Amino acid sequence: MTRNTNLDAVILDYNGVIGLQPTRSQWFHLARTASWPDDDLAGFQRAFWSAREPYDAGQLSDLAYWAHVLGSHPGPRLLHELRTADTDMWTTTDDRVLSVLHRAHATGLPMVLLSNAPAHLSDVLDTHHWRRMMHQALYSARLEVCKPDPAAYEQALEATGADDPRRVLFVDDRADNCRTAEEVGLRALHYTGNPADLETALLPTADRTPPAPPTLQDLIAPRQ
């Protein structure tokens, strides 16, 4: 396969791009593990996110983070169960995205992962098969800084080995992260869940999946 001559490298977010967002049932499972009332999932999610940034940045231990969420220190068994349920929420991947990335990887395009993730989740993600496509994987807990801090992007750019940030594409599902990427000189794709957008950005025209032929229903459907 031929390389996309417009790109020297790509920096990819994990959750919301490679990884799928947690389902409602996964959120309920975690909340129930925490003994949170079933009728207050929104309250649990607020507590969950309230200290997530310092946890992702490696500034809080698992115990300190969950003590903040729960309002009391969990015992060793509960802490293990919470950490396991939390990690499991973030490890389901989008096969459609991985298909595009495998094809881009086959062209020789260097790929670097840049993810906001706590230490344990980072270790688990490094064991997954798709991780082998990444030239490097940079996680906030190891960098001790979270996106959208410019320092995270600067380290990711260095990891790509590219000289010109204008020839490096940053892909993330959050608009604020993309804005900062552009401010430090990178190109950015705000990914909204359509793998075709990723395919267009990463692959040369000849290697893209051709559009599906119209169905009979498409042909007879009235014009809007």
C-alpha atoms as a PDB file:
ATOM      1  CA  MET A   1       0.000   0.000   0.000  1.00  0.00           C
ATOM      2  CA  THR A   2       1.149   3.540  -0.708  1.00  0.00           C
ATOM      3  CA  ARG A   3       1.705   6.215   1.928  1.00  0.00           C
ATOM      4  CA  ASN A   4      -0.409   9.336   2.219  1.00  0.00           C
ATOM      5  CA  THR A   5       2.143  11.856   0.987  1.00  0.00           C
ATOM      6  CA  ASN A   6       0.400  14.679   2.874  1.00  0.00           C
ATOM      7  CA  LEU A   7       1.239  13.213   6.300  1.00  0.00           C
ATOM      8  CA  ASP A   8       4.436  12.331   8.124  1.00  0.00           C
ATOM      9  CA  ALA A   9       2.700  10.924  11.237  1.00  0.00           C
ATOM     10  CA  VAL A  10      -0.556  10.777  13.179  1.00  0.00           C
ATOM     11  CA  ILE A  11      -1.236  11.250  16.906  1.00  0.00           C
ATOM     12  CA  LEU A  12      -4.345   9.398  18.076  1.00  0.00           C
ATOM     13  CA  ASP A  13      -6.558   9.737  21.106  1.00  0.00           C
ATOM     14  CA  TYR A  14      -7.788   6.479  22.629  1.00  0.00           C
ATOM     15  CA  ASN A  15     -11.233   6.898  24.198  1.00  0.00           C
ATOM     16  CA  GLY A  16     -13.804   8.120  21.696  1.00  0.00           C
ATOM     17  CA  VAL A  17     -11.585   7.209  18.745  1.00  0.00           C
ATOM     18  CA  ILE A  18     -10.048   3.753  19.135  1.00  0.00           C
ATOM     19  CA  GLY A  19     -12.034   2.967  22.277  1.00  0.00           C
ATOM     20  CA  LEU A  20     -15.806   3.078  22.497  1.00  0.00           C
ATOM     21  CA  GLN A  21     -17.552   5.130  25.158  1.00  0.00           C
ATOM     22  CA  PRO A  22     -18.893   3.109  28.114  1.00  0.00           C
ATOM     23  CA  THR A  23     -22.441   1.855  27.865  1.00  0.00           C
ATOM     24  CA  ARG A  24     -25.128   2.808  30.358  1.00  0.00           C
ATOM     25  CA  SER A  25     -25.093  -0.741  31.732  1.00  0.00           C
ATOM     26  CA  GLN A  26     -21.341  -0.451  32.392  1.00  0.00           C
ATOM     27  CA  TRP A  27     -21.891   2.799  34.259  1.00  0.00           C
ATOM     28  CA  PHE A  28     -24.615   1.147  36.348  1.00  0.00           C
ATOM     29  CA  HIS A  29     -22.328  -1.783  37.105  1.00  0.00           C
ATOM     30  CA  LEU A  30     -19.602   0.528  38.373  1.00  0.00           C
ATOM     31  CA  ALA A  31     -22.085   2.591  40.385  1.00  0.00           C
ATOM     32  CA  ARG A  32     -23.535  -0.529  41.990  1.00  0.00           C
ATOM     33  CA  THR A  33     -20.036  -1.768  42.791  1.00  0.00           C
ATOM     34  CA  ALA A  34     -19.614   1.532  44.622  1.00  0.00           C
ATOM     35  CA  SER A  35     -22.968   0.940  46.431  1.00  0.00           C
ATOM     36  CA  TRP A  36     -24.362   4.077  44.820  1.00  0.00           C
ATOM     37  CA  PRO A  37     -28.191   4.384  44.648  1.00  0.00           C
ATOM     38  CA  ASP A  38     -29.590   3.107  41.339  1.00  0.00           C
ATOM     39  CA  ASP A  39     -31.746   6.205  40.967  1.00  0.00           C
ATOM     40  CA  ASP A  40     -28.785   8.597  41.105  1.00  0.00           C
ATOM     41  CA  LEU A  41     -26.508   7.571  38.238  1.00  0.00           C
ATOM     42  CA  ALA A  42     -25.986  11.230  37.307  1.00  0.00           C
ATOM     43  CA  GLY A  43     -24.773  11.947  40.835  1.00  0.00           C
ATOM     44  CA  PHE A  44     -22.346   9.050  40.633  1.00  0.00           C
ATOM     45  CA  GLN A  45     -20.997  10.299  37.311  1.00  0.00           C
ATOM     46  CA  ARG A  46     -20.453  13.769  38.771  1.00  0.00           C
ATOM     47  CA  ALA A  47     -18.511  12.236  41.648  1.00  0.00           C
ATOM     48  CA  PHE A  48     -16.589  10.012  39.223  1.00  0.00           C
ATOM     49  CA  TRP A  49     -15.422  12.954  37.109  1.00  0.00           C
ATOM     50  CA  SER A  50     -14.838  15.371  39.982  1.00  0.00           C
ATOM     51  CA  ALA A  51     -11.247  14.228  40.585  1.00  0.00           C
ATOM     52  CA  ARG A  52     -10.587  12.378  37.347  1.00  0.00           C
ATOM     53  CA  GLU A  53      -8.093  14.845  35.919  1.00  0.00           C
ATOM     54  CA  PRO A  54      -5.592  14.597  38.798  1.00  0.00           C
ATOM     55  CA  TYR A  55      -6.135  10.818  38.811  1.00  0.00           C
ATOM     56  CA  ASP A  56      -5.435  10.649  35.073  1.00  0.00           C
ATOM     57  CA  ALA A  57      -2.364  12.837  35.599  1.00  0.00           C
ATOM     58  CA  GLY A  58      -0.909  10.412  38.128  1.00  0.00           C
ATOM     59  CA  GLN A  59      -1.363  12.825  41.028  1.00  0.00           C
ATOM     60  CA  LEU A  60      -3.775  10.554  42.917  1.00  0.00           C
ATOM     61  CA  SER A  61      -3.386   6.874  43.758  1.00  0.00           C
ATOM     62  CA  ASP A  62      -6.237   4.447  43.122  1.00  0.00           C
ATOM     63  CA  LEU A  63      -7.078   4.614  46.823  1.00  0.00           C
ATOM     64  CA  ALA A  64      -7.023   8.409  46.994  1.00  0.00           C
ATOM     65  CA  TYR A  65      -9.174   8.738  43.872  1.00  0.00           C
ATOM     66  CA  TRP A  66     -11.862   6.312  45.008  1.00  0.00           C
ATOM     67  CA  ALA A  67     -11.863   7.770  48.508  1.00  0.00           C
ATOM     68  CA  HIS A  68     -12.662  11.124  46.893  1.00  0.00           C
ATOM     69  CA  VAL A  69     -15.470   9.622  44.792  1.00  0.00           C
ATOM     70  CA  LEU A  70     -17.028   7.638  47.650  1.00  0.00           C
ATOM     71  CA  GLY A  71     -16.362  10.055  50.465  1.00  0.00           C
ATOM     72  CA  SER A  72     -14.628   7.307  52.464  1.00  0.00           C
ATOM     73  CA  HIS A  73     -11.709   4.939  52.021  1.00  0.00           C
ATOM     74  CA  PRO A  74     -12.647   1.614  50.379  1.00  0.00           C
ATOM     75  CA  GLY A  75     -11.103  -1.566  51.737  1.00  0.00           C
ATOM     76  CA  PRO A  76      -8.633  -3.571  49.619  1.00  0.00           C
ATOM     77  CA  ARG A  77     -11.263  -5.905  48.162  1.00  0.00           C
ATOM     78  CA  LEU A  78     -13.672  -3.109  47.205  1.00  0.00           C
ATOM     79  CA  LEU A  79     -10.827  -1.037  45.786  1.00  0.00           C
ATOM     80  CA  HIS A  80      -9.822  -3.958  43.565  1.00  0.00           C
ATOM     81  CA  GLU A  81     -13.423  -4.398  42.381  1.00  0.00           C
ATOM     82  CA  LEU A  82     -13.818  -0.682  41.645  1.00  0.00           C
ATOM     83  CA  ARG A  83     -10.569  -0.488  39.732  1.00  0.00           C
ATOM     84  CA  THR A  84     -11.439  -3.584  37.709  1.00  0.00           C
ATOM     85  CA  ALA A  85     -14.942  -2.345  36.824  1.00  0.00           C
ATOM     86  CA  ASP A  86     -13.601   1.102  35.967  1.00  0.00           C
ATOM     87  CA  THR A  87     -10.883  -0.307  33.707  1.00  0.00           C
ATOM     88  CA  ASP A  88     -13.314  -2.683  31.982  1.00  0.00           C
ATOM     89  CA  MET A  89     -15.474   0.286  30.952  1.00  0.00           C
ATOM     90  CA  TRP A  90     -12.729   1.700  28.769  1.00  0.00           C
ATOM     91  CA  THR A  91     -11.329  -1.362  26.972  1.00  0.00           C
ATOM     92  CA  THR A  92     -13.945  -2.022  24.270  1.00  0.00           C
ATOM     93  CA  THR A  93     -12.588  -0.929  20.897  1.00  0.00           C
ATOM     94  CA  ASP A  94     -14.216   0.100  17.622  1.00  0.00           C
ATOM     95  CA  ASP A  95     -13.381  -2.549  15.020  1.00  0.00           C
ATOM     96  CA  ARG A  96     -14.178  -0.110  12.196  1.00  0.00           C
ATOM     97  CA  VAL A  97     -11.531   2.321  13.436  1.00  0.00           C
ATOM     98  CA  LEU A  98      -9.002  -0.457  13.969  1.00  0.00           C
ATOM     99  CA  SER A  99      -9.553  -1.607  10.383  1.00  0.00           C
ATOM    100  CA  VAL A 100      -8.619   1.855   9.106  1.00  0.00           C
ATOM    101  CA  LEU A 101      -5.600   2.018  11.418  1.00  0.00           C
ATOM    102  CA  HIS A 102      -4.333  -1.392  10.299  1.00  0.00           C
ATOM    103  CA  ARG A 103      -4.447  -0.219   6.696  1.00  0.00           C
ATOM    104  CA  ALA A 104      -2.706   3.052   7.554  1.00  0.00           C
ATOM    105  CA  HIS A 105      -0.081   1.149   9.538  1.00  0.00           C
ATOM    106  CA  ALA A 106       0.541  -1.096   6.535  1.00  0.00           C
ATOM    107  CA  THR A 107       1.507   1.985   4.518  1.00  0.00           C
ATOM    108  CA  GLY A 108       4.275   2.747   7.040  1.00  0.00           C
ATOM    109  CA  LEU A 109       2.568   5.800   8.570  1.00  0.00           C
ATOM    110  CA  PRO A 110       4.010   6.347  12.083  1.00  0.00           C
ATOM    111  CA  MET A 111       1.270   6.379  14.731  1.00  0.00           C
ATOM    112  CA  VAL A 112       1.550   7.630  18.312  1.00  0.00           C
ATOM    113  CA  LEU A 113      -1.127   7.243  20.977  1.00  0.00           C
ATOM    114  CA  LEU A 114      -1.802  10.194  23.299  1.00  0.00           C
ATOM    115  CA  SER A 115      -4.409   9.354  25.926  1.00  0.00           C
ATOM    116  CA  ASN A 116      -5.636  10.742  29.215  1.00  0.00           C
ATOM    117  CA  ALA A 117      -5.631   7.559  31.299  1.00  0.00           C
ATOM    118  CA  PRO A 118      -4.750   6.548  34.869  1.00  0.00           C
ATOM    119  CA  ALA A 119      -1.831   4.229  35.514  1.00  0.00           C
ATOM    120  CA  HIS A 120      -3.665   0.909  35.768  1.00  0.00           C
ATOM    121  CA  LEU A 121      -5.717   1.495  32.620  1.00  0.00           C
ATOM    122  CA  SER A 122      -2.524   2.510  30.795  1.00  0.00           C
ATOM    123  CA  ASP A 123      -0.899  -0.791  31.738  1.00  0.00           C
ATOM    124  CA  VAL A 124      -3.932  -2.755  30.524  1.00  0.00           C
ATOM    125  CA  LEU A 125      -4.170  -0.902  27.210  1.00  0.00           C
ATOM    126  CA  ASP A 126      -0.513  -1.681  26.539  1.00  0.00           C
ATOM    127  CA  THR A 127      -1.372  -5.402  26.490  1.00  0.00           C
ATOM    128  CA  HIS A 128      -3.940  -5.097  23.684  1.00  0.00           C
ATOM    129  CA  HIS A 129      -3.132  -6.288  20.178  1.00  0.00           C
ATOM    130  CA  TRP A 130      -3.723  -2.886  18.533  1.00  0.00           C
ATOM    131  CA  ARG A 131      -1.012  -1.376  20.732  1.00  0.00           C
ATOM    132  CA  ARG A 132       1.599  -2.981  18.461  1.00  0.00           C
ATOM    133  CA  MET A 133       0.626  -0.574  15.689  1.00  0.00           C
ATOM    134  CA  MET A 134       1.685   2.393  17.808  1.00  0.00           C
ATOM    135  CA  HIS A 135       5.244   3.670  17.477  1.00  0.00           C
ATOM    136  CA  GLN A 136       4.821   4.889  21.052  1.00  0.00           C
ATOM    137  CA  ALA A 137       1.933   5.155  23.515  1.00  0.00           C
ATOM    138  CA  LEU A 138       1.911   8.190  25.787  1.00  0.00           C
ATOM    139  CA  TYR A 139      -0.481   8.210  28.743  1.00  0.00           C
ATOM    140  CA  SER A 140      -1.206  11.156  31.005  1.00  0.00           C
ATOM    141  CA  ALA A 141      -0.420   9.191  34.173  1.00  0.00           C
ATOM    142  CA  ARG A 142       3.100   8.581  32.898  1.00  0.00           C
ATOM    143  CA  LEU A 143       3.543  12.054  31.430  1.00  0.00           C
ATOM    144  CA  GLU A 144       2.072  13.588  34.611  1.00  0.00           C
ATOM    145  CA  VAL A 145       0.095  15.981  32.452  1.00  0.00           C
ATOM    146  CA  CYS A 146      -3.293  15.737  30.729  1.00  0.00           C
ATOM    147  CA  LYS A 147      -4.577  17.037  27.438  1.00  0.00           C
ATOM    148  CA  PRO A 148      -5.207  19.807  26.618  1.00  0.00           C
ATOM    149  CA  ASP A 149      -1.986  20.955  28.280  1.00  0.00           C
ATOM    150  CA  PRO A 150       0.368  21.898  25.409  1.00  0.00           C
ATOM    151  CA  ALA A 151       3.188  19.921  27.051  1.00  0.00           C
ATOM    152  CA  ALA A 152       1.343  16.671  26.248  1.00  0.00           C
ATOM    153  CA  TYR A 153       1.198  17.521  22.545  1.00  0.00           C
ATOM    154  CA  GLU A 154       4.822  18.581  22.456  1.00  0.00           C
ATOM    155  CA  GLN A 155       5.915  15.220  23.875  1.00  0.00           C
ATOM    156  CA  ALA A 156       3.681  13.366  21.417  1.00  0.00           C
ATOM    157  CA  LEU A 157       5.082  15.338  18.498  1.00  0.00           C
ATOM    158  CA  GLU A 158       8.607  14.490  19.612  1.00  0.00           C
ATOM    159  CA  ALA A 159       7.618  10.813  19.805  1.00  0.00           C
ATOM    160  CA  THR A 160       6.505  10.820  16.151  1.00  0.00           C
ATOM    161  CA  GLY A 161       9.992  11.799  14.983  1.00  0.00           C
ATOM    162  CA  ALA A 162       8.428  14.300  12.554  1.00  0.00           C
ATOM    163  CA  ASP A 163      10.165  17.630  12.013  1.00  0.00           C
ATOM    164  CA  ASP A 164       7.197  19.684  10.819  1.00  0.00           C
ATOM    165  CA  PRO A 165       4.076  19.739  13.053  1.00  0.00           C
ATOM    166  CA  ARG A 166       2.040  20.904  10.071  1.00  0.00           C
ATOM    167  CA  ARG A 167       2.547  17.452   8.559  1.00  0.00           C
ATOM    168  CA  VAL A 168       1.318  15.639  11.674  1.00  0.00           C
ATOM    169  CA  LEU A 169      -2.399  14.984  12.223  1.00  0.00           C
ATOM    170  CA  PHE A 170      -3.900  14.888  15.701  1.00  0.00           C
ATOM    171  CA  VAL A 171      -7.180  12.967  16.056  1.00  0.00           C
ATOM    172  CA  ASP A 172      -9.431  13.368  19.103  1.00  0.00           C
ATOM    173  CA  ASP A 173     -13.138  13.254  19.898  1.00  0.00           C
ATOM    174  CA  ARG A 174     -12.984  16.441  21.995  1.00  0.00           C
ATOM    175  CA  ALA A 175     -13.058  19.810  20.274  1.00  0.00           C
ATOM    176  CA  ASP A 176     -11.053  21.537  23.027  1.00  0.00           C
ATOM    177  CA  ASN A 177      -8.230  19.027  22.631  1.00  0.00           C
ATOM    178  CA  CYS A 178      -8.228  19.629  18.889  1.00  0.00           C
ATOM    179  CA  ARG A 179      -8.118  23.394  19.337  1.00  0.00           C
ATOM    180  CA  THR A 180      -5.005  23.139  21.501  1.00  0.00           C
ATOM    181  CA  ALA A 181      -3.381  20.816  18.968  1.00  0.00           C
ATOM    182  CA  GLU A 182      -3.886  23.446  16.288  1.00  0.00           C
ATOM    183  CA  GLU A 183      -2.522  26.142  18.602  1.00  0.00           C
ATOM    184  CA  VAL A 184       0.764  24.227  18.939  1.00  0.00           C
ATOM    185  CA  GLY A 185       0.982  23.862  15.160  1.00  0.00           C
ATOM    186  CA  LEU A 186      -0.500  20.423  14.517  1.00  0.00           C
ATOM    187  CA  ARG A 187      -3.255  19.638  12.074  1.00  0.00           C
ATOM    188  CA  ALA A 188      -6.360  18.313  13.810  1.00  0.00           C
ATOM    189  CA  LEU A 189      -9.344  16.117  13.060  1.00  0.00           C
ATOM    190  CA  HIS A 190     -12.256  16.391  15.470  1.00  0.00           C
ATOM    191  CA  TYR A 191     -13.467  12.803  15.278  1.00  0.00           C
ATOM    192  CA  THR A 192     -17.233  12.435  15.676  1.00  0.00           C
ATOM    193  CA  GLY A 193     -17.630   8.700  15.194  1.00  0.00           C
ATOM    194  CA  ASN A 194     -17.494   8.275  11.415  1.00  0.00           C
ATOM    195  CA  PRO A 195     -14.590   5.981  10.410  1.00  0.00           C
ATOM    196  CA  ALA A 196     -14.836   7.270   6.844  1.00  0.00           C
ATOM    197  CA  ASP A 197     -13.511  10.631   8.079  1.00  0.00           C
ATOM    198  CA  LEU A 198     -10.487   8.867   9.535  1.00  0.00           C
ATOM    199  CA  GLU A 199      -9.990   6.878   6.351  1.00  0.00           C
ATOM    200  CA  THR A 200     -10.079  10.052   4.260  1.00  0.00           C
ATOM    201  CA  ALA A 201      -7.540  11.726   6.532  1.00  0.00           C
ATOM    202  CA  LEU A 202      -5.071   8.838   6.787  1.00  0.00           C
ATOM    203  CA  LEU A 203      -5.190   6.930   3.513  1.00  0.00           C
ATOM    204  CA  PRO A 204      -4.398   7.960  -0.049  1.00  0.00           C
ATOM    205  CA  THR A 205      -7.388   7.995  -2.372  1.00  0.00           C
ATOM    206  CA  ALA A 206      -6.466   4.714  -4.062  1.00  0.00           C
ATOM    207  CA  ASP A 207      -6.562   2.791  -0.785  1.00  0.00           C
ATOM    208  CA  ARG A 208      -9.913   4.024   0.506  1.00  0.00           C
ATOM    209  CA  THR A 209     -12.978   1.808   0.659  1.00  0.00           C
ATOM    210  CA  PRO A 210     -15.225   2.597  -2.315  1.00  0.00           C
ATOM    211  CA  PRO A 211     -18.751   3.708  -1.454  1.00  0.00           C
ATOM    212  CA  ALA A 212     -21.360   0.934  -1.387  1.00  0.00           C
ATOM    213  CA  PRO A 213     -23.478   0.729  -4.539  1.00  0.00           C
ATOM    214  CA  PRO A 214     -27.021   2.089  -4.149  1.00  0.00           C
ATOM    215  CA  THR A 215     -29.680  -0.387  -3.124  1.00  0.00           C
ATOM    216  CA  LEU A 216     -32.957  -0.791  -4.986  1.00  0.00           C
ATOM    217  CA  GLN A 217     -34.657   1.131  -2.172  1.00  0.00           C
ATOM    218  CA  ASP A 218     -32.168   3.997  -2.687  1.00  0.00           C
ATOM    219  CA  LEU A 219     -32.993   4.097  -6.384  1.00  0.00           C
ATOM    220  CA  ILE A 220     -36.777   4.194  -5.943  1.00  0.00           C
ATOM    221  CA  ALA A 221     -36.879   6.414  -2.870  1.00  0.00           C
ATOM    222  CA  PRO A 222     -38.502   9.801  -3.580  1.00  0.00           C
ATOM    223  CA  ARG A 223     -36.221  12.834  -3.600  1.00  0.00           C
ATOM    224  CA  GLN A 224     -36.441  15.029  -0.512  1.00  0.00           C
END
